[in-house]
Amino acid sequence: MGKSKYDPLTPDLTTLCKLGSIVVHAEEMLSTGHAFDRAALQSLLIDPEVQRWIKAMGVYMPVKR
């Protein structure tokens, strides 16, 4: 069997949990500014699964400034 192509529109459960965690920590950081949320965001944003999903989303992601 060949390796199937990764589909960013159907990420696996762990990737979905990490993306959800990014949302929750961003909301918390914006409301309370807690240092833990910033550290959690930094860790999640460099996670290989999250990076793979971001890369696979390509043109559907906002362009970085």
Protein backbone atom coordinates (compact mmCIF):
# COMPACT_ATOMS: atom_id res chain seq x y z
CA MET A 1 0.00 0.00 0.00
CA GLY A 2 1.23 3.48 -0.86
CA LYS A 3 1.27 6.34 1.57
CA SER A 4 -1.96 8.32 1.26
CA LYS A 5 -1.88 12.07 0.73
CA TYR A 6 -2.46 14.17 3.86
CA ASP A 7 -5.79 16.01 3.76
CA PRO A 8 -5.76 19.12 6.00
CA LEU A 9 -9.57 19.30 5.78
CA THR A 10 -9.82 16.04 7.72
CA PRO A 11 -7.10 16.25 10.38
CA ASP A 12 -6.75 13.46 12.90
CA LEU A 13 -8.04 13.78 16.46
CA THR A 14 -4.71 14.79 18.00
CA THR A 15 -4.29 17.63 15.49
CA LEU A 16 -7.85 18.80 16.13
CA CYS A 17 -7.20 18.79 19.89
CA LYS A 18 -4.03 20.84 19.40
CA LEU A 19 -5.82 23.34 17.15
CA GLY A 20 -8.59 23.63 19.73
CA SER A 21 -6.00 24.19 22.45
CA ILE A 22 -4.49 27.02 20.40
CA VAL A 23 -7.90 28.71 20.27
CA VAL A 24 -8.54 28.31 24.01
CA HIS A 25 -5.06 29.51 25.01
CA ALA A 26 -5.32 32.50 22.65
CA GLU A 27 -8.66 33.47 24.19
CA GLU A 28 -7.25 33.10 27.69
CA MET A 29 -4.11 35.07 26.85
CA LEU A 30 -6.19 37.89 25.40
CA SER A 31 -8.48 38.01 28.43
CA THR A 32 -6.11 37.38 31.35
CA GLY A 33 -2.68 37.66 29.76
CA HIS A 34 -1.41 34.70 31.78
CA ALA A 35 2.19 33.68 30.99
CA PHE A 36 1.21 29.99 30.92
CA ASP A 37 -1.05 30.59 27.93
CA ARG A 38 1.74 32.31 25.99
CA ALA A 39 4.11 29.41 26.70
CA ALA A 40 1.46 26.86 25.72
CA LEU A 41 0.80 28.73 22.46
CA GLN A 42 4.49 28.85 21.62
CA SER A 43 4.78 25.12 22.22
CA LEU A 44 1.69 24.28 20.19
CA LEU A 45 2.70 26.49 17.27
CA ILE A 46 6.00 24.65 16.80
CA ASP A 47 4.41 21.20 17.19
CA PRO A 48 5.17 19.04 14.12
CA GLU A 49 1.52 18.00 13.63
CA VAL A 50 0.35 21.62 13.79
CA GLN A 51 3.12 22.72 11.42
CA ARG A 52 2.18 19.95 9.00
CA TRP A 53 -1.46 21.06 9.06
CA ILE A 54 -0.53 24.74 8.54
CA LYS A 55 1.73 23.85 5.61
CA ALA A 56 -0.89 21.57 4.06
CA MET A 57 -3.56 24.29 4.31
CA GLY A 58 -1.45 26.42 1.96
CA VAL A 59 -3.42 29.24 0.36
CA TYR A 60 -6.27 28.83 2.84
CA MET A 61 -4.13 30.21 5.67
CA PRO A 62 -3.71 33.95 6.24
CA VAL A 63 -0.42 35.36 4.95
CA LYS A 64 2.04 36.26 7.69
CA ARG A 65 3.02 39.90 7.91
